[in-house]
Protein backbone atom coordinates (compact mmCIF):
# COMPACT_ATOMS: atom_id res chain seq x y z
CA MET A 1 -3.30 61.92 5.18
CA LEU A 2 -3.05 62.91 8.77
CA VAL A 3 -3.33 66.85 9.86
CA LEU A 4 -1.27 67.78 12.72
CA PRO A 5 -2.35 70.54 15.12
CA MET A 6 -0.13 73.53 15.50
CA MET A 7 1.90 73.53 18.68
CA PRO A 8 3.20 76.92 20.45
CA ASN A 9 6.58 77.60 20.03
CA PRO A 10 8.43 76.85 23.30
CA THR A 11 11.15 79.60 22.63
CA THR A 12 8.62 82.37 22.70
CA ARG A 13 8.82 84.23 26.10
CA SER A 14 5.66 86.23 27.65
CA TRP A 15 4.99 87.50 31.00
CA SER A 16 3.49 85.07 33.30
CA ALA A 17 0.52 85.77 35.62
CA GLU A 18 2.66 86.03 38.79
CA GLN A 19 4.98 88.44 37.11
CA TRP A 20 1.95 90.75 36.19
CA LEU A 21 0.75 90.32 39.74
CA LEU A 22 4.06 91.18 41.26
CA GLY A 23 4.30 94.24 39.00
CA GLY A 24 0.81 95.27 40.16
CA MET A 25 1.92 94.92 43.81
CA VAL A 26 5.01 97.00 43.36
CA LEU A 27 3.15 99.85 41.53
CA ALA A 28 0.58 99.83 44.45
CA LEU A 29 3.17 99.96 47.07
CA ALA A 30 5.07 102.72 45.29
CA ALA A 31 1.73 104.62 44.94
CA THR A 32 1.07 104.23 48.63
CA CYS A 33 4.58 105.43 49.68
CA ILE A 34 4.32 108.55 47.26
CA GLY A 35 0.70 109.23 48.87
CA LEU A 36 2.28 109.19 52.48
CA VAL A 37 5.19 111.27 51.58
CA LEU A 38 3.56 113.74 49.42
CA GLY A 39 -0.01 113.81 51.05
CA PRO A 40 -1.22 115.40 54.31
CA GLN A 41 0.33 113.86 57.35
CA PRO A 42 -1.99 111.30 59.11
CA ALA A 43 -1.86 110.55 62.68
CA ALA A 44 0.79 108.32 63.79
CA SER A 45 -1.39 105.40 64.50
CA ALA A 46 -3.17 105.39 61.12
CA HIS A 47 0.25 105.74 59.57
CA LEU A 48 1.39 102.66 61.39
CA ILE A 49 -1.96 100.89 60.40
CA ALA A 50 -1.45 101.56 56.74
CA LEU A 51 2.11 100.71 56.75
CA ALA A 52 1.03 97.30 58.45
CA LEU A 53 -1.60 96.76 55.76
CA LEU A 54 0.69 97.58 53.15
CA VAL A 55 3.32 95.11 54.24
CA ALA A 56 0.57 92.27 54.95
CA SER A 57 -0.80 92.89 51.37
CA LEU A 58 2.68 92.65 49.99
CA THR A 59 3.35 89.40 51.72
CA ALA A 60 0.05 87.84 50.80
CA ALA A 61 0.78 89.05 47.08
CA LEU A 62 4.09 87.25 47.30
CA LEU A 63 2.72 84.12 48.59
CA MET A 64 -0.06 84.12 46.14
CA MET A 65 2.36 84.82 43.44
CA ARG A 66 4.51 81.84 44.47
CA LEU A 67 1.24 79.52 44.46
CA VAL A 68 0.21 80.79 41.15
CA GLY A 69 3.71 80.27 39.81
CA ARG A 70 3.82 76.73 40.85
CA THR A 71 0.47 76.09 39.40
CA HIS A 72 1.57 77.31 36.13
CA ARG A 73 4.64 75.56 35.99
CA GLN A 74 2.71 72.33 36.54
CA MET A 75 0.24 72.97 33.90
CA GLU A 76 3.02 73.89 31.37
CA ALA A 77 4.72 70.59 32.15
CA MET A 78 1.59 68.86 31.84
CA LEU A 79 0.84 70.67 28.40
CA ARG A 80 4.37 69.70 27.32
CA GLY A 81 3.91 66.09 28.18
CA ARG A 82 0.56 65.82 26.31
CA ALA A 83 2.15 67.51 23.36
CA SER A 84 5.02 65.06 23.51
CA GLY A 85 2.71 62.12 23.73
CA GLU A 86 0.69 63.43 20.84
CA GLU A 87 3.79 63.68 18.78
CA ARG A 88 4.67 60.04 19.51
CA ALA A 89 1.15 58.64 18.95
CA ILE A 90 1.10 60.71 15.54
CA GLU A 91 4.52 59.29 14.56
CA ALA A 92 3.31 55.71 15.56
CA LEU A 93 0.45 56.05 13.60
CA ARG A 94 2.46 57.22 10.68
CA ASN A 95 4.82 54.18 11.08
CA SER A 96 1.79 51.89 11.48
CA GLU A 97 0.17 52.99 8.45
CA ALA A 98 3.26 52.83 6.51
CA GLN A 99 3.71 49.24 7.68
CA TRP A 100 0.18 48.31 6.71
CA LYS A 101 0.38 49.79 3.55
CA GLU A 102 3.60 47.92 2.86
CA VAL A 103 1.83 44.74 3.81
CA PHE A 104 -1.17 45.53 1.80
CA GLU A 105 0.96 46.19 -1.30
CA HIS A 106 3.43 43.50 -1.17
CA ASN A 107 1.89 40.70 0.81
CA PRO A 108 1.83 37.53 -1.38
CA VAL A 109 -1.89 37.58 -1.48
CA MET A 110 -3.93 39.26 -3.90
CA TYR A 111 -6.40 41.80 -2.27
CA PHE A 112 -9.28 43.22 -4.17
CA MET A 113 -12.07 45.76 -2.99
CA VAL A 114 -15.06 45.75 -5.38
CA ASP A 115 -18.38 47.66 -5.18
CA ALA A 116 -21.67 45.72 -5.53
CA THR A 117 -21.68 46.20 -9.22
CA GLY A 118 -18.25 44.51 -9.66
CA LEU A 119 -16.07 47.49 -10.25
CA VAL A 120 -12.61 47.24 -8.73
CA LEU A 121 -12.01 50.08 -6.03
CA SER A 122 -8.76 49.09 -4.71
CA VAL A 123 -6.24 46.36 -5.56
CA ASN A 124 -2.68 45.74 -4.11
CA THR A 125 0.42 46.00 -6.11
CA PHE A 126 1.20 42.29 -5.61
CA GLY A 127 -2.16 41.30 -6.80
CA ALA A 128 -1.98 43.37 -9.97
CA ALA A 129 1.54 42.19 -10.76
CA GLN A 130 0.47 38.48 -10.32
CA LEU A 131 -2.18 38.94 -13.03
CA GLY A 132 0.25 40.98 -15.25
CA TYR A 133 -1.29 44.33 -14.83
CA THR A 134 -0.55 47.55 -12.99
CA VAL A 135 -2.69 48.82 -10.32
CA ASP A 136 -4.01 51.79 -12.50
CA GLU A 137 -5.00 49.29 -15.24
CA LEU A 138 -7.39 47.42 -12.86
CA LEU A 139 -8.95 50.42 -11.01
CA GLY A 140 -12.49 51.15 -12.10
CA GLN A 141 -12.66 48.13 -14.36
CA SER A 142 -14.93 45.19 -13.94
CA VAL A 143 -13.54 42.49 -11.73
CA LEU A 144 -14.80 40.12 -14.46
CA ARG A 145 -12.01 41.11 -16.65
CA VAL A 146 -9.55 38.75 -14.83
CA PHE A 147 -11.69 35.70 -15.19
CA ALA A 148 -12.38 33.46 -18.21
CA ALA A 149 -15.70 33.78 -19.80
CA GLU A 150 -16.91 30.35 -18.56
CA GLU A 151 -16.11 31.20 -14.97
CA GLN A 152 -17.81 34.66 -14.98
CA GLN A 153 -21.22 33.48 -14.02
CA MET A 154 -19.66 31.57 -10.98
CA VAL A 155 -18.01 34.81 -9.90
CA GLN A 156 -21.40 36.77 -10.23
CA ARG A 157 -23.08 34.20 -8.08
CA SER A 158 -20.40 34.24 -5.44
CA VAL A 159 -20.33 37.99 -5.18
CA ALA A 160 -24.21 38.11 -5.07
CA ALA A 161 -24.08 35.51 -2.36
CA CYS A 162 -21.60 37.67 -0.31
CA LEU A 163 -23.91 40.76 -0.65
CA ASP A 164 -27.02 38.73 0.47
CA ASN A 165 -25.07 37.50 3.58
CA ILE A 166 -23.10 40.70 4.80
CA GLY A 167 -20.44 39.91 7.29
CA GLN A 168 -20.22 36.14 6.48
CA THR A 169 -16.97 34.93 4.77
CA ARG A 170 -17.39 32.65 1.55
CA SER A 171 -14.60 30.76 -0.10
CA TRP A 172 -14.31 29.16 -3.42
CA GLU A 173 -11.68 27.88 -5.93
CA ILE A 174 -11.54 29.29 -9.39
CA ARG A 175 -9.28 30.05 -12.31
CA LYS A 176 -8.22 33.59 -13.07
CA VAL A 177 -6.82 34.75 -16.34
CA ARG A 178 -3.49 36.92 -16.57
CA LYS A 179 -3.15 39.78 -19.04
CA ASP A 180 -1.12 37.29 -21.46
CA GLY A 181 -3.90 34.81 -21.34
CA SER A 182 -2.15 32.28 -19.18
CA ARG A 183 -4.25 31.00 -16.24
CA LEU A 184 -3.78 30.27 -12.58
CA TRP A 185 -5.74 28.63 -9.80
CA VAL A 186 -6.69 30.82 -6.69
CA ARG A 187 -8.60 30.24 -3.53
CA GLU A 188 -10.82 33.34 -2.80
CA ASN A 189 -12.11 34.44 0.56
CA ALA A 190 -14.62 37.16 0.42
CA LYS A 191 -16.72 38.96 2.75
CA ALA A 192 -19.27 41.92 2.08
CA VAL A 193 -19.19 45.01 4.56
CA ARG A 194 -20.88 48.21 4.85
CA ARG A 195 -18.90 51.26 4.81
CA LEU A 196 -19.44 54.55 6.86
CA ASP A 197 -21.15 56.18 3.86
CA ASP A 198 -23.48 53.31 3.91
CA GLN A 199 -21.96 51.82 0.63
CA LEU A 200 -21.72 47.99 0.31
CA ILE A 201 -18.30 46.49 -0.91
CA VAL A 202 -16.78 43.32 -1.14
CA LEU A 203 -13.28 42.40 0.26
CA ILE A 204 -11.55 39.59 -1.67
CA ALA A 205 -8.34 37.94 -0.63
CA CYS A 206 -6.90 35.65 -3.43
CA GLU A 207 -4.29 32.89 -2.69
CA ASP A 208 -2.34 31.17 -5.60
CA ILE A 209 -2.97 27.55 -5.45
CA THR A 210 -1.70 26.73 -8.96
CA GLU A 211 1.01 24.35 -7.84
CA ARG A 212 -1.42 22.52 -5.42
CA LYS A 213 -3.98 22.13 -8.00
CA HIS A 214 -1.27 20.61 -10.39
CA ALA A 215 -0.22 18.34 -7.55
CA GLU A 216 -3.74 17.32 -6.96
CA ASN A 217 -4.35 16.68 -10.65
CA ALA A 218 -1.27 14.74 -11.01
CA LEU A 219 -2.32 12.68 -8.08
CA GLN A 220 -5.83 12.28 -9.20
CA GLN A 221 -4.55 11.12 -12.57
CA SER A 222 -2.01 8.83 -10.97
CA GLU A 223 -4.89 7.29 -8.89
CA MET A 224 -6.75 6.94 -12.14
CA TYR A 225 -4.12 5.00 -13.76
CA LEU A 226 -3.57 2.98 -10.72
CA THR A 227 -7.46 2.29 -10.44
CA GLU A 228 -7.67 1.37 -14.15
CA ALA A 229 -4.53 -0.85 -13.70
CA GLN A 230 -6.11 -2.59 -10.83
CA ARG A 231 -9.16 -3.15 -12.70
CA LEU A 232 -7.42 -4.49 -15.65
CA SER A 233 -5.21 -6.85 -13.71
CA HIS A 234 -8.04 -7.78 -11.26
CA THR A 235 -5.60 -6.86 -8.38
CA GLY A 236 -6.66 -4.68 -5.54
CA SER A 237 -4.38 -3.36 -2.77
CA PHE A 238 -4.85 -3.21 0.96
CA GLY A 239 -3.35 -1.95 4.19
CA TRP A 240 -3.71 -3.76 7.52
CA HIS A 241 -2.90 -2.05 10.87
CA VAL A 242 -2.21 -4.93 13.21
CA ALA A 243 -2.60 -3.22 16.42
CA SER A 244 -6.14 -1.71 15.56
CA GLY A 245 -7.03 -4.44 13.25
CA GLU A 246 -8.16 -1.87 10.68
CA ILE A 247 -8.00 -2.81 7.05
CA ILE A 248 -8.04 -0.31 4.35
CA TRP A 249 -8.99 -1.38 0.72
CA SER A 250 -8.75 0.00 -2.61
CA GLU A 251 -11.69 0.29 -4.93
CA GLU A 252 -10.81 -2.88 -6.87
CA THR A 253 -10.48 -4.96 -3.60
CA PHE A 254 -14.07 -3.93 -2.78
CA ARG A 255 -15.23 -4.90 -6.19
CA ILE A 256 -13.49 -8.28 -5.92
CA PHE A 257 -15.23 -9.08 -2.66
CA GLU A 258 -18.38 -7.32 -3.69
CA PHE A 259 -18.80 -5.09 -0.76
CA ASP A 260 -20.11 -1.49 -0.79
CA ARG A 261 -17.22 0.83 -0.39
CA VAL A 262 -16.50 2.01 3.39
CA PRO A 263 -13.53 3.86 4.86
CA SER A 264 -12.20 0.84 6.62
CA ILE A 265 -13.09 -2.79 7.29
CA LYS A 266 -12.48 -5.58 9.74
CA HIS A 267 -11.27 -9.18 9.46
CA GLY A 268 -14.49 -10.53 10.86
CA THR A 269 -16.33 -8.99 7.84
CA VAL A 270 -13.70 -10.42 5.37
CA LEU A 271 -14.09 -13.80 6.70
CA GLN A 272 -17.85 -13.73 6.26
CA ARG A 273 -17.07 -13.82 2.45
CA VAL A 274 -14.44 -16.61 2.71
CA HIS A 275 -15.59 -19.94 1.65
CA PRO A 276 -16.64 -21.99 4.88
CA ASP A 277 -13.97 -24.78 3.89
CA ASP A 278 -11.14 -22.23 3.72
CA ARG A 279 -12.33 -20.00 6.64
CA ASP A 280 -10.13 -21.89 9.32
CA ARG A 281 -7.04 -21.76 7.22
CA VAL A 282 -7.24 -18.06 6.38
CA GLN A 283 -7.94 -17.38 10.19
CA ARG A 284 -4.68 -19.37 10.99
CA THR A 285 -2.80 -17.29 8.50
CA ILE A 286 -3.83 -14.11 9.96
CA ASP A 287 -3.15 -15.05 13.58
CA ARG A 288 0.26 -16.37 12.53
CA ALA A 289 1.10 -13.00 10.67
CA SER A 290 -0.28 -11.00 13.62
CA LEU A 291 2.37 -12.78 15.82
CA ASP A 292 5.22 -13.27 13.49
CA ARG A 293 4.95 -9.80 11.96
CA LYS A 294 6.59 -11.36 8.79
CA ASP A 295 5.52 -11.37 4.98
CA PHE A 296 2.91 -13.96 4.02
CA GLU A 297 0.89 -15.04 1.04
CA HIS A 298 -2.02 -17.44 0.74
CA GLY A 299 -4.81 -18.45 -1.52
CA TYR A 300 -8.43 -19.05 -0.81
CA ARG A 301 -11.99 -19.08 -2.28
CA LEU A 302 -14.68 -16.57 -1.81
CA LEU A 303 -18.23 -17.80 -1.75
CA MET A 304 -20.31 -15.01 -3.17
CA PRO A 305 -23.95 -14.17 -2.14
CA SER A 306 -25.07 -15.24 -5.59
CA GLY A 307 -23.49 -18.55 -4.79
CA ALA A 308 -20.62 -18.24 -7.33
CA ILE A 309 -17.01 -19.10 -6.18
CA LYS A 310 -14.17 -16.90 -6.71
CA TYR A 311 -10.45 -17.82 -6.38
CA VAL A 312 -8.25 -15.03 -4.79
CA HIS A 313 -4.40 -14.94 -3.94
CA ALA A 314 -3.21 -12.38 -1.47
CA ARG A 315 0.46 -11.39 -0.70
CA ALA A 316 1.47 -8.94 2.22
CA HIS A 317 4.71 -7.14 3.13
CA ALA A 318 5.26 -6.13 6.76
CA VAL A 319 6.51 -2.57 7.29
CA THR A 320 7.17 -0.48 10.34
CA ASN A 321 5.25 2.93 10.67
CA MET A 322 6.62 6.18 12.24
CA SER A 323 4.94 4.97 15.58
CA GLY A 324 6.70 1.88 15.62
CA ASP A 325 3.68 -0.37 14.98
CA THR A 326 3.50 -3.02 12.23
CA GLU A 327 1.34 -2.66 9.28
CA PHE A 328 1.09 -4.96 6.32
CA VAL A 329 0.76 -3.56 2.76
CA GLY A 330 -0.41 -6.09 0.27
CA ALA A 331 -2.22 -6.85 -2.88
CA VAL A 332 -5.18 -9.39 -3.60
CA THR A 333 -5.58 -10.77 -7.11
CA ASP A 334 -8.74 -12.37 -8.53
CA VAL A 335 -7.40 -15.63 -10.04
CA THR A 336 -10.65 -17.20 -10.79
CA ALA A 337 -10.18 -17.12 -14.68
CA ARG A 338 -6.56 -18.54 -14.24
CA LYS A 339 -7.87 -21.20 -12.02
CA LEU A 340 -10.46 -22.21 -14.49
CA ALA A 341 -7.93 -22.20 -17.42
CA GLU A 342 -5.60 -24.19 -15.11
CA ALA A 343 -8.37 -26.75 -14.34
CA LYS A 344 -8.80 -27.10 -18.14
CA LEU A 345 -4.99 -27.59 -18.67
CA HIS A 346 -4.86 -29.88 -15.84
CA GLU A 347 -7.43 -31.93 -17.49
CA ALA A 348 -5.65 -31.84 -20.81
CA GLN A 349 -2.45 -32.82 -19.01
CA THR A 350 -4.40 -35.56 -17.35
CA ASN A 351 -5.52 -37.04 -20.61
CA LEU A 352 -2.15 -36.68 -22.01
CA ALA A 353 -0.48 -38.45 -19.00
CA HIS A 354 -3.18 -41.14 -19.51
CA VAL A 355 -2.24 -41.70 -23.05
CA THR A 356 1.48 -41.71 -22.24
CA ARG A 357 0.86 -44.28 -19.56
CA VAL A 358 -1.19 -46.43 -22.07
CA THR A 359 1.80 -46.01 -24.59
CA ALA A 360 4.17 -46.97 -22.08
CA LEU A 361 2.22 -50.00 -21.10
CA GLY A 362 2.01 -50.93 -24.70
CA GLU A 363 5.85 -51.00 -24.86
CA LEU A 364 5.78 -53.14 -21.72
CA ALA A 365 3.18 -55.48 -23.14
CA ALA A 366 5.85 -58.43 -23.50
CA SER A 367 7.00 -57.56 -19.98
CA ILE A 368 3.56 -57.62 -18.50
CA ALA A 369 2.63 -60.69 -20.22
CA HIS A 370 5.68 -62.54 -18.88
CA GLU A 371 4.75 -61.19 -15.43
CA VAL A 372 1.17 -62.56 -15.94
CA ASN A 373 2.31 -65.76 -17.58
CA GLN A 374 4.77 -66.80 -14.78
CA PRO A 375 2.01 -67.08 -11.93
CA LEU A 376 -0.45 -68.40 -14.38
CA ALA A 377 1.90 -71.25 -15.51
CA ALA A 378 2.65 -71.83 -11.84
CA VAL A 379 -1.14 -72.20 -11.22
CA VAL A 380 -1.54 -74.67 -13.91
CA THR A 381 1.52 -76.86 -12.66
CA ASN A 382 0.31 -76.64 -9.04
CA ALA A 383 -3.32 -77.46 -10.19
CA ALA A 384 -1.74 -80.65 -11.89
CA ALA A 385 0.09 -81.71 -9.20
CA CYS A 386 -2.75 -81.37 -6.84
CA LEU A 387 -4.68 -83.69 -9.14
CA ARG A 388 -1.94 -86.19 -8.92
CA TRP A 389 -1.96 -86.05 -5.17
CA LEU A 390 -5.79 -86.56 -5.02
CA ASP A 391 -5.61 -89.38 -7.64
CA ARG A 392 -3.47 -91.74 -5.56
CA ALA A 393 -4.95 -94.78 -4.12
CA ALA A 394 -4.57 -92.96 -0.86
CA PRO A 395 -4.99 -89.44 -1.38
CA ASP A 396 -2.09 -87.20 0.06
CA LEU A 397 -4.23 -84.26 1.39
CA ASN A 398 -1.47 -82.42 2.82
CA GLU A 399 0.54 -82.19 -0.43
CA ALA A 400 -2.84 -81.41 -2.14
CA ARG A 401 -3.53 -78.67 0.34
CA GLY A 402 0.10 -77.17 -0.25
CA ALA A 403 -0.65 -77.15 -4.00
CA VAL A 404 -3.82 -75.43 -3.59
CA ARG A 405 -2.08 -72.61 -1.43
CA SER A 406 0.62 -72.10 -4.17
CA ILE A 407 -2.17 -71.86 -6.67
CA ILE A 408 -3.87 -69.29 -4.42
CA SER A 409 -0.60 -67.33 -4.01
CA ASP A 410 0.18 -67.41 -7.83
CA GLY A 411 -3.40 -66.29 -8.62
CA ASN A 412 -3.00 -63.32 -6.16
CA ARG A 413 0.28 -62.50 -7.90
CA ALA A 414 -1.28 -62.53 -11.16
CA GLY A 415 -4.12 -60.43 -10.11
CA GLU A 416 -1.73 -57.75 -8.36
CA VAL A 417 0.05 -57.40 -11.82
CA ILE A 418 -3.34 -57.02 -13.63
CA GLN A 419 -4.45 -54.60 -11.09
CA ARG A 420 -1.41 -52.39 -11.37
CA VAL A 421 -1.91 -52.36 -15.12
CA ARG A 422 -5.56 -51.38 -14.67
CA ALA A 423 -4.58 -48.58 -12.40
CA LEU A 424 -2.23 -47.03 -14.92
CA VAL A 425 -4.74 -47.60 -17.74
CA ASN A 426 -7.88 -46.31 -15.97
CA LYS A 427 -8.37 -42.55 -16.37
CA THR A 428 -8.99 -41.33 -12.74
CA THR A 429 -8.82 -37.97 -10.81
CA ASP A 430 -6.22 -37.11 -8.45
CA GLN A 431 -6.40 -39.24 -5.33
CA LYS A 432 -3.82 -37.94 -2.93
CA ALA A 433 -3.25 -40.09 0.22
CA PRO A 434 -0.31 -40.92 2.59
CA LEU A 435 1.77 -43.65 0.81
CA ASP A 436 5.23 -45.34 1.26
CA ILE A 437 7.37 -44.20 -1.67
CA ASN A 438 9.34 -47.60 -1.37
CA GLU A 439 6.32 -49.50 -1.98
CA VAL A 440 5.33 -47.45 -5.08
CA ILE A 441 8.93 -48.28 -6.52
CA ASN A 442 8.67 -51.86 -5.87
CA GLU A 443 5.24 -51.94 -7.70
CA VAL A 444 6.74 -50.23 -10.73
CA ILE A 445 9.71 -52.72 -10.53
CA GLY A 446 7.20 -55.66 -10.72
CA LEU A 447 5.89 -54.30 -14.27
CA VAL A 448 9.48 -53.76 -15.65
CA GLN A 449 11.36 -56.65 -14.27
CA HIS A 450 11.25 -58.80 -17.40
CA GLU A 451 12.05 -55.63 -19.41
CA LEU A 452 15.39 -55.44 -17.28
CA GLN A 453 16.12 -58.94 -17.77
CA ARG A 454 15.46 -59.03 -21.60
CA HIS A 455 18.18 -56.26 -22.00
CA LEU A 456 20.52 -57.50 -19.56
CA ILE A 457 20.31 -54.75 -17.05
CA SER A 458 21.40 -55.23 -13.32
CA LEU A 459 18.97 -53.42 -11.02
CA GLN A 460 20.21 -52.19 -7.68
CA LEU A 461 17.59 -50.97 -4.97
CA ASP A 462 19.16 -48.82 -2.34
CA LEU A 463 16.00 -47.93 -0.50
CA THR A 464 16.06 -46.26 2.87
CA SER A 465 13.80 -48.27 5.26
CA ALA A 466 11.05 -46.81 7.49
CA LEU A 467 10.68 -43.65 5.47
CA PRO A 468 8.03 -41.33 6.55
CA PRO A 469 4.81 -41.40 4.30
CA VAL A 470 4.40 -38.56 1.59
CA VAL A 471 0.98 -37.29 0.59
CA ALA A 472 0.61 -38.11 -3.16
CA ASP A 473 -1.32 -39.73 -5.82
CA ARG A 474 -0.05 -43.29 -6.12
CA VAL A 475 -0.86 -43.73 -9.85
CA GLN A 476 0.83 -40.42 -10.87
CA LEU A 477 4.09 -41.15 -8.97
CA GLN A 478 3.96 -44.56 -10.64
CA GLN A 479 4.03 -42.94 -13.85
CA VAL A 480 7.02 -40.73 -12.94
CA ILE A 481 9.02 -43.71 -11.68
CA LEU A 482 7.96 -45.84 -14.62
CA ASN A 483 9.14 -43.09 -17.09
CA LEU A 484 12.33 -42.56 -15.48
CA VAL A 485 13.14 -46.26 -15.35
CA LEU A 486 12.16 -46.60 -19.09
CA ASN A 487 14.45 -43.81 -20.09
CA GLY A 488 17.25 -45.26 -18.18
CA ILE A 489 16.69 -48.86 -19.89
CA GLU A 490 16.62 -47.07 -23.24
CA ALA A 491 19.69 -45.03 -22.64
CA MET A 492 21.68 -48.23 -21.83
CA GLN A 493 20.71 -50.22 -24.94
CA PRO A 494 23.61 -48.94 -26.89
CA VAL A 495 26.10 -49.64 -24.15
CA THR A 496 28.30 -52.96 -24.97
CA GLU A 497 31.69 -52.22 -23.43
CA ARG A 498 30.39 -52.15 -19.68
CA PRO A 499 28.02 -53.66 -17.36
CA ARG A 500 24.52 -52.18 -17.60
CA GLU A 501 23.32 -51.08 -14.16
CA LEU A 502 20.22 -49.26 -13.04
CA VAL A 503 20.33 -47.87 -9.46
CA ILE A 504 17.25 -46.63 -7.75
CA ARG A 505 17.87 -44.91 -4.27
CA THR A 506 15.48 -43.16 -1.72
CA ARG A 507 16.72 -40.92 1.10
CA HIS A 508 15.25 -38.93 3.77
CA ASP A 509 16.34 -35.39 4.37
CA ASP A 510 14.92 -34.58 7.88
CA ASP A 511 16.22 -31.01 7.95
CA ALA A 512 14.61 -29.90 4.77
CA GLY A 513 11.63 -32.14 5.40
CA LEU A 514 11.91 -33.98 2.03
CA ILE A 515 11.93 -37.43 0.50
CA LEU A 516 14.57 -37.72 -2.22
CA VAL A 517 14.36 -40.22 -5.01
CA THR A 518 17.11 -40.84 -7.66
CA VAL A 519 17.32 -43.05 -10.70
CA THR A 520 20.88 -43.52 -12.14
CA ASP A 521 21.74 -45.30 -15.30
CA CYS A 522 25.13 -45.89 -17.06
CA GLY A 523 23.86 -45.15 -20.50
CA VAL A 524 24.94 -42.58 -23.09
CA GLY A 525 24.37 -39.59 -20.75
CA VAL A 526 23.04 -36.19 -21.33
CA ALA A 527 24.64 -33.57 -23.48
CA THR A 528 25.68 -30.46 -21.37
CA GLY A 529 23.73 -28.19 -23.76
CA ASN A 530 20.54 -30.41 -23.51
CA ALA A 531 20.24 -30.48 -19.84
CA ASP A 532 18.17 -27.46 -19.56
CA ARG A 533 15.71 -28.30 -22.19
CA LEU A 534 15.05 -32.07 -21.33
CA PHE A 535 11.87 -30.94 -19.50
CA ASP A 536 10.53 -28.69 -22.22
CA ALA A 537 7.52 -30.04 -23.84
CA PHE A 538 7.97 -31.68 -27.35
CA TYR A 539 11.80 -31.73 -26.99
CA THR A 540 13.20 -35.15 -27.22
CA THR A 541 16.65 -36.81 -28.01
CA LYS A 542 14.84 -40.08 -29.27
CA ALA A 543 14.42 -40.67 -32.97
CA SER A 544 10.78 -41.89 -32.22
CA GLY A 545 10.19 -39.93 -29.01
CA MET A 546 7.27 -37.36 -28.59
CA GLY A 547 8.99 -35.15 -26.14
CA MET A 548 6.27 -35.25 -23.61
CA GLY A 549 7.39 -37.91 -21.01
CA LEU A 550 9.71 -35.81 -18.84
CA SER A 551 7.62 -32.70 -19.40
CA ILE A 552 4.66 -34.38 -17.87
CA CYS A 553 6.66 -35.97 -15.01
CA ARG A 554 7.82 -32.39 -14.07
CA SER A 555 4.19 -31.43 -14.05
CA ILE A 556 3.19 -34.14 -11.84
CA VAL A 557 6.07 -33.71 -9.38
CA GLU A 558 5.55 -29.91 -9.13
CA ALA A 559 1.67 -30.37 -8.49
CA HIS A 560 2.94 -32.34 -5.48
CA GLN A 561 5.03 -29.33 -4.52
CA GLY A 562 8.24 -31.15 -5.32
CA ARG A 563 11.03 -30.75 -7.88
CA LEU A 564 12.19 -33.00 -10.72
CA SER A 565 15.88 -32.33 -12.07
CA VAL A 566 18.80 -33.89 -13.64
CA VAL A 567 22.13 -34.12 -11.72
CA GLU A 568 25.54 -33.60 -13.04
CA GLN A 569 27.31 -36.95 -12.81
CA ILE A 570 31.02 -37.93 -12.74
CA GLY A 571 31.43 -40.80 -15.38
CA PRO A 572 28.93 -42.42 -17.85
CA GLY A 573 25.14 -42.32 -17.60
CA ALA A 574 22.73 -39.88 -16.01
CA THR A 575 20.92 -39.21 -12.82
CA PHE A 576 17.46 -38.06 -12.45
CA GLN A 577 16.04 -37.13 -9.01
CA PHE A 578 12.84 -35.82 -7.71
CA THR A 579 12.02 -34.50 -4.17
CA LEU A 580 8.69 -34.70 -2.43
CA PRO A 581 7.79 -32.72 0.67
CA LEU A 582 6.89 -34.47 3.73
CA ARG A 583 4.58 -31.62 4.98
CA GLN A 584 2.11 -30.25 2.46
CA GLU A 585 2.08 -26.44 2.72
CA GLU A 586 -1.28 -24.81 3.08
CA HIS A 587 -2.70 -24.48 -0.42
CA ALA A 588 -2.04 -21.16 -2.24
CA TRP A 589 -3.38 -20.80 -5.69
């Protein structure tokens, strides 16, 4: 409470100093005049001198009175100005005190003042209301009242630390308990100070951070779910800033690559973990993405310090950040288990494909025997002719040589048939190499030629010449073509009212970079409802079929990054086609 000094009433009138001086001079002059009139008569000169002195004194008094009056007025003005200034300062102080009190009471921050023992000396209205109390309910009470039992030791330690370090601000986050039992998170900033009476107090400002804590907890929970999901799926995430080359990895990505966790990583470090055989290909993918700024995906192997090999598949999406720079956000998946399972599945499929080939060759036994018997019979005939030319009285050596050449040619032809049969029967691993698809088709036709003749089927070959080579496994492609041809032959067996024709075509789609192979028959055709199921395993339209032929063929074609399908056809019969890419894409797991 401010105490204001008593100020004089400006309306009270009193005689000033010059008025008292003027009055004194007038009385002195009157006394002098009375003395001169009533007293004895002095000499004329003395009379004049006295009169002059009297006038001079009166003049000096008047001058002094004027000077004193001016000085008095100046002092009064100064005093009035000082009093007015003090009044304004007092009013400003009142206003400031009111404003600070308003700020203290209603500022959305909880303010506490506690003594060294923890008793509440002061609390603002807002702070008390936030906790569900009135100010009077908290004053004189222990500050521990607004904290949960499990938090009180921390509060005591924090207050003690403030008292041990006077003037230093300390901060901590803690939960407080409202009067109704609900809790809120606060951030407390506290500092111990010494009052004028030498008493130590602690000033505490508390900010409600409950919403922020809830958001942080929700974020932490979300991160926990994401981390666990990544761990379960063996999929890590990453971010790549192209301009700086900086890469940010998730915890699971570090686990996959078996690196210690760091804030960021560089491509050079990543490449050290990539298998040496895949390193150049991975570098090309990175360089291309840096220039194109387009989405990409690729698969590669990791060579771990222990010597183990991991297979990973990475996919990234290009985004533009607020600065206009390109960043890639992506995921990398450890597919080692899948690759091992695929290897076992591929081995099983290879075994099944081998069995299928052997079964098909069993069905073609008569045709193969015919193909082999023809050159063997020709060999016998030519050998007998050769003997006859040599048994003449004058041996005809030229004819004998011709017969021997025919024997050699027929022997080679028989050997080629046996070699093709052995290639189909042998169980070999994938051996991809550049080959001419037309040559593969002709090799298959050599095996089924007798089968076509036996079923009175006319074969038409529409093969585009000078086709570019495709990278493929010869035996596997032979199996695909053989299966499609045998299916066509079987489909035409019931046909009697029209010629039986089988057409094999090859085409080159330069724009798409593909080789197209079609096998068309004029048999019973494919029912519309069955077209989508033809390539399913164990689905068959044959009474004695296993339903594995077309399924295996599709697996083989897809392993060559191609596609096998059935084409809608106008008129009787069915058309199957498969495509093979001319350019093998970089291998992606």
